[in-house]
């Protein structure tokens, strides 16, 4: 049995997969900001994505993420991780498979 791999097809698949995987942190950041409690918008404005890491750059970020706000009783990190597992990653895999 022989398997022949077309290197151009493989390169396209890798490129497409990489592009889809790179979308996940941006989607997670958008979701995280969306569920961040809003009083005056400071927390949302100071939540940024740097090197694929969501950074909440304000003093009370830990308290909000611990669920100290009625607007986000589960915080933001855990719901964002759940959303990544439930939606963002499966959607990326589906888009990759569709090619």
N, C-alpha and C. Protein backbone atom coordinates (compact mmCIF):
# COMPACT_ATOMS: atom_id res chain seq x y z
N UNK A 1 0.84 -1.17 0.00
CA UNK A 1 0.00 0.00 0.00
C UNK A 1 0.89 1.24 0.00
N UNK A 2 0.54 2.20 -0.83
CA UNK A 2 1.29 3.45 -0.90
C UNK A 2 0.33 4.60 -0.65
N UNK A 3 0.85 5.58 0.03
CA UNK A 3 0.08 6.80 0.26
C UNK A 3 0.84 7.94 -0.37
N UNK A 4 0.16 8.66 -1.24
CA UNK A 4 0.80 9.78 -1.91
C UNK A 4 0.19 11.07 -1.34
N UNK A 5 1.07 11.95 -0.92
CA UNK A 5 0.62 13.21 -0.34
C UNK A 5 1.06 14.34 -1.26
N UNK A 6 0.09 15.13 -1.66
CA UNK A 6 0.38 16.29 -2.47
C UNK A 6 0.82 17.41 -1.52
N UNK A 7 2.06 17.83 -1.63
CA UNK A 7 2.60 18.80 -0.68
C UNK A 7 1.86 20.13 -0.76
N UNK A 8 1.38 20.52 -1.91
CA UNK A 8 0.63 21.78 -2.02
C UNK A 8 -0.69 21.68 -1.27
N UNK A 9 -1.35 20.54 -1.37
CA UNK A 9 -2.61 20.35 -0.64
C UNK A 9 -2.36 20.34 0.86
N UNK A 10 -1.28 19.71 1.28
CA UNK A 10 -0.93 19.65 2.69
C UNK A 10 -0.60 21.05 3.21
N UNK A 11 0.16 21.81 2.44
CA UNK A 11 0.50 23.18 2.85
C UNK A 11 -0.75 24.04 2.97
N UNK A 12 -1.70 23.87 2.06
CA UNK A 12 -2.95 24.63 2.13
C UNK A 12 -3.74 24.24 3.37
N UNK A 13 -3.79 22.95 3.67
CA UNK A 13 -4.50 22.48 4.86
C UNK A 13 -3.87 23.06 6.13
N UNK A 14 -2.56 23.05 6.22
CA UNK A 14 -1.86 23.59 7.38
C UNK A 14 -2.12 25.09 7.49
N UNK A 15 -2.07 25.79 6.38
CA UNK A 15 -2.32 27.23 6.37
C UNK A 15 -3.75 27.54 6.83
N UNK A 16 -4.71 26.79 6.29
CA UNK A 16 -6.11 26.99 6.68
C UNK A 16 -6.33 26.67 8.15
N UNK A 17 -5.73 25.58 8.63
CA UNK A 17 -5.88 25.19 10.03
C UNK A 17 -5.26 26.25 10.94
N UNK A 18 -4.10 26.74 10.58
CA UNK A 18 -3.43 27.77 11.37
C UNK A 18 -4.29 29.03 11.45
N UNK A 19 -4.86 29.42 10.33
CA UNK A 19 -5.71 30.62 10.30
C UNK A 19 -6.91 30.45 11.22
N UNK A 20 -7.53 29.29 11.20
CA UNK A 20 -8.71 29.04 12.04
C UNK A 20 -8.33 28.99 13.52
N UNK A 21 -7.22 28.36 13.83
CA UNK A 21 -6.77 28.26 15.22
C UNK A 21 -6.43 29.64 15.78
N UNK A 22 -5.88 30.51 14.95
CA UNK A 22 -5.52 31.86 15.39
C UNK A 22 -6.75 32.72 15.70
N UNK A 23 -7.89 32.34 15.19
CA UNK A 23 -9.13 33.08 15.46
C UNK A 23 -9.64 32.86 16.89
N UNK A 24 -9.30 31.73 17.47
CA UNK A 24 -9.86 31.34 18.77
C UNK A 24 -9.54 32.36 19.87
N UNK A 25 -8.29 32.80 20.03
CA UNK A 25 -8.05 33.79 21.08
C UNK A 25 -8.82 35.10 20.86
N UNK A 26 -8.95 35.53 19.61
CA UNK A 26 -9.71 36.75 19.34
C UNK A 26 -11.19 36.58 19.69
N UNK A 27 -11.74 35.40 19.36
CA UNK A 27 -13.13 35.12 19.71
C UNK A 27 -13.31 35.08 21.23
N UNK A 28 -12.35 34.46 21.91
CA UNK A 28 -12.41 34.36 23.37
C UNK A 28 -12.32 35.75 24.00
N UNK A 29 -11.45 36.58 23.50
CA UNK A 29 -11.30 37.95 24.01
C UNK A 29 -12.60 38.73 23.83
N UNK A 30 -13.18 38.63 22.67
CA UNK A 30 -14.45 39.33 22.40
C UNK A 30 -15.53 38.85 23.38
N UNK A 31 -15.61 37.55 23.58
CA UNK A 31 -16.61 36.99 24.50
C UNK A 31 -16.34 37.44 25.94
N UNK A 32 -15.08 37.37 26.36
CA UNK A 32 -14.69 37.77 27.71
C UNK A 32 -15.12 39.21 27.98
N UNK A 33 -14.81 40.10 27.03
CA UNK A 33 -15.20 41.51 27.19
C UNK A 33 -16.72 41.66 27.23
N UNK A 34 -17.39 40.88 26.41
CA UNK A 34 -18.86 40.96 26.34
C UNK A 34 -19.50 40.59 27.68
N UNK A 35 -18.94 39.62 28.39
CA UNK A 35 -19.54 39.20 29.66
C UNK A 35 -18.94 39.91 30.87
N UNK A 36 -17.96 40.78 30.62
CA UNK A 36 -17.38 41.57 31.72
C UNK A 36 -18.43 42.55 32.22
N UNK A 37 -18.65 42.59 33.54
CA UNK A 37 -19.63 43.54 34.08
C UNK A 37 -19.35 44.97 33.63
N UNK A 38 -20.42 45.68 33.39
CA UNK A 38 -20.28 47.05 32.90
C UNK A 38 -20.99 48.02 33.84
N UNK A 39 -20.22 48.90 34.36
CA UNK A 39 -20.78 50.00 35.14
C UNK A 39 -20.51 51.30 34.38
N UNK A 40 -19.24 51.55 34.16
CA UNK A 40 -18.87 52.73 33.39
C UNK A 40 -18.02 52.37 32.16
N UNK A 41 -17.80 51.09 31.92
CA UNK A 41 -17.05 50.63 30.76
C UNK A 41 -15.56 50.51 30.97
N UNK A 42 -15.07 50.90 32.14
CA UNK A 42 -13.63 50.89 32.41
C UNK A 42 -13.05 49.47 32.29
N UNK A 43 -13.71 48.51 32.89
CA UNK A 43 -13.20 47.13 32.86
C UNK A 43 -13.16 46.60 31.44
N UNK A 44 -14.20 46.84 30.67
CA UNK A 44 -14.21 46.36 29.29
C UNK A 44 -13.13 47.05 28.45
N UNK A 45 -12.98 48.35 28.63
CA UNK A 45 -11.96 49.09 27.86
C UNK A 45 -10.55 48.66 28.20
N UNK A 46 -10.35 48.19 29.41
CA UNK A 46 -9.02 47.81 29.86
C UNK A 46 -8.78 46.31 29.86
N UNK A 47 -9.57 45.60 29.10
CA UNK A 47 -9.36 44.18 28.86
C UNK A 47 -8.83 44.06 27.44
N UNK A 48 -7.60 43.59 27.31
CA UNK A 48 -6.92 43.57 26.02
C UNK A 48 -6.39 42.17 25.71
N UNK A 49 -6.11 41.96 24.44
CA UNK A 49 -5.51 40.70 23.98
C UNK A 49 -4.08 41.01 23.56
N UNK A 50 -3.12 40.43 24.27
CA UNK A 50 -1.71 40.62 23.95
C UNK A 50 -1.06 39.25 23.86
N UNK A 51 -0.45 38.96 22.72
CA UNK A 51 0.21 37.67 22.50
C UNK A 51 -0.73 36.50 22.82
N UNK A 52 -1.96 36.61 22.35
CA UNK A 52 -2.98 35.57 22.54
C UNK A 52 -3.35 35.35 24.00
N UNK A 53 -3.10 36.33 24.83
CA UNK A 53 -3.48 36.26 26.24
C UNK A 53 -4.43 37.40 26.56
N UNK A 54 -5.53 37.05 27.20
CA UNK A 54 -6.46 38.07 27.64
C UNK A 54 -5.92 38.67 28.93
N UNK A 55 -5.76 39.98 28.93
CA UNK A 55 -5.23 40.67 30.09
C UNK A 55 -6.25 41.70 30.57
N UNK A 56 -6.66 41.56 31.80
CA UNK A 56 -7.58 42.50 32.43
C UNK A 56 -6.73 43.47 33.25
N UNK A 57 -6.51 44.63 32.69
CA UNK A 57 -5.59 45.60 33.29
C UNK A 57 -6.33 46.64 34.13
N UNK A 58 -6.87 46.20 35.25
CA UNK A 58 -7.52 47.11 36.20
C UNK A 58 -7.48 46.43 37.57
N UNK A 59 -7.47 47.24 38.60
CA UNK A 59 -7.23 46.75 39.96
C UNK A 59 -8.23 45.71 40.45
N UNK A 60 -9.46 45.81 40.04
CA UNK A 60 -10.50 44.94 40.57
C UNK A 60 -10.82 43.76 39.66
N UNK A 61 -9.92 43.43 38.73
CA UNK A 61 -10.14 42.32 37.80
C UNK A 61 -10.33 41.00 38.54
N UNK A 62 -9.52 40.77 39.54
CA UNK A 62 -9.62 39.52 40.30
C UNK A 62 -10.96 39.39 41.00
N UNK A 63 -11.42 40.49 41.57
CA UNK A 63 -12.72 40.46 42.27
C UNK A 63 -13.85 40.17 41.29
N UNK A 64 -13.82 40.81 40.12
CA UNK A 64 -14.87 40.53 39.13
C UNK A 64 -14.81 39.08 38.67
N UNK A 65 -13.58 38.58 38.44
CA UNK A 65 -13.45 37.21 37.97
C UNK A 65 -13.81 36.19 39.04
N UNK A 66 -13.77 36.62 40.29
CA UNK A 66 -14.21 35.74 41.40
C UNK A 66 -15.72 35.77 41.59
N UNK A 67 -16.42 36.53 40.74
CA UNK A 67 -17.88 36.55 40.82
C UNK A 67 -18.45 37.57 41.78
N UNK A 68 -17.69 38.62 42.08
CA UNK A 68 -18.14 39.63 43.04
C UNK A 68 -19.17 40.59 42.45
N UNK A 69 -19.53 40.41 41.20
CA UNK A 69 -20.54 41.26 40.57
C UNK A 69 -21.78 40.44 40.24
N UNK A 70 -22.93 41.02 40.49
CA UNK A 70 -24.18 40.33 40.12
C UNK A 70 -24.30 40.17 38.61
N UNK A 71 -23.61 41.02 37.87
CA UNK A 71 -23.65 40.93 36.41
C UNK A 71 -22.88 39.71 35.88
N UNK A 72 -21.93 39.24 36.65
CA UNK A 72 -21.12 38.08 36.24
C UNK A 72 -20.84 37.21 37.45
N UNK A 73 -21.86 36.52 37.98
CA UNK A 73 -21.67 35.73 39.20
C UNK A 73 -20.67 34.58 39.05
N UNK A 74 -20.40 34.16 37.81
CA UNK A 74 -19.42 33.10 37.57
C UNK A 74 -18.08 33.67 37.13
N UNK A 75 -17.95 35.01 37.18
CA UNK A 75 -16.74 35.64 36.70
C UNK A 75 -16.73 35.66 35.19
N UNK A 76 -15.55 35.80 34.61
CA UNK A 76 -15.43 35.83 33.15
C UNK A 76 -14.56 34.71 32.60
N UNK A 77 -13.54 34.30 33.37
CA UNK A 77 -12.60 33.29 32.86
C UNK A 77 -13.27 31.94 32.62
N UNK A 78 -13.95 31.43 33.64
CA UNK A 78 -14.57 30.10 33.51
C UNK A 78 -15.62 30.06 32.40
N UNK A 79 -16.53 31.05 32.32
CA UNK A 79 -17.49 31.03 31.21
C UNK A 79 -16.81 31.14 29.84
N UNK A 80 -15.70 31.88 29.77
CA UNK A 80 -14.99 32.00 28.50
C UNK A 80 -14.37 30.67 28.10
N UNK A 81 -13.78 29.98 29.06
CA UNK A 81 -13.20 28.65 28.78
C UNK A 81 -14.30 27.69 28.35
N UNK A 82 -15.42 27.72 29.03
CA UNK A 82 -16.55 26.86 28.66
C UNK A 82 -17.01 27.17 27.24
N UNK A 83 -17.08 28.44 26.88
CA UNK A 83 -17.51 28.83 25.54
C UNK A 83 -16.49 28.39 24.49
N UNK A 84 -15.22 28.45 24.84
CA UNK A 84 -14.19 27.97 23.91
C UNK A 84 -14.38 26.48 23.64
N UNK A 85 -14.60 25.72 24.71
CA UNK A 85 -14.77 24.27 24.56
C UNK A 85 -16.05 23.91 23.83
N UNK A 86 -17.10 24.67 24.11
CA UNK A 86 -18.42 24.37 23.56
C UNK A 86 -18.59 24.87 22.13
N UNK A 87 -18.03 26.04 21.83
CA UNK A 87 -18.32 26.66 20.55
C UNK A 87 -17.08 26.99 19.71
N UNK A 88 -16.14 27.75 20.25
CA UNK A 88 -15.06 28.27 19.43
C UNK A 88 -14.17 27.19 18.83
N UNK A 89 -13.73 26.23 19.64
CA UNK A 89 -12.86 25.17 19.14
C UNK A 89 -13.61 24.24 18.17
N UNK A 90 -14.82 23.75 18.54
CA UNK A 90 -15.54 22.91 17.58
C UNK A 90 -15.83 23.62 16.26
N UNK A 91 -16.15 24.91 16.32
CA UNK A 91 -16.40 25.65 15.08
C UNK A 91 -15.15 25.74 14.22
N UNK A 92 -14.00 25.96 14.86
CA UNK A 92 -12.74 26.00 14.13
C UNK A 92 -12.46 24.66 13.46
N UNK A 93 -12.65 23.59 14.20
CA UNK A 93 -12.44 22.24 13.64
C UNK A 93 -13.38 22.00 12.46
N UNK A 94 -14.61 22.42 12.60
CA UNK A 94 -15.58 22.23 11.51
C UNK A 94 -15.16 23.01 10.27
N UNK A 95 -14.71 24.26 10.47
CA UNK A 95 -14.27 25.06 9.32
C UNK A 95 -13.03 24.44 8.66
N UNK A 96 -12.14 23.89 9.47
CA UNK A 96 -10.95 23.22 8.92
C UNK A 96 -11.36 22.02 8.09
N UNK A 97 -12.28 21.22 8.62
CA UNK A 97 -12.71 20.01 7.93
C UNK A 97 -13.44 20.32 6.62
N UNK A 98 -14.13 21.44 6.59
CA UNK A 98 -14.82 21.82 5.34
C UNK A 98 -13.83 22.22 4.29
N UNK A 99 -12.67 22.70 4.75
CA UNK A 99 -11.59 23.09 3.87
C UNK A 99 -11.95 24.19 2.96
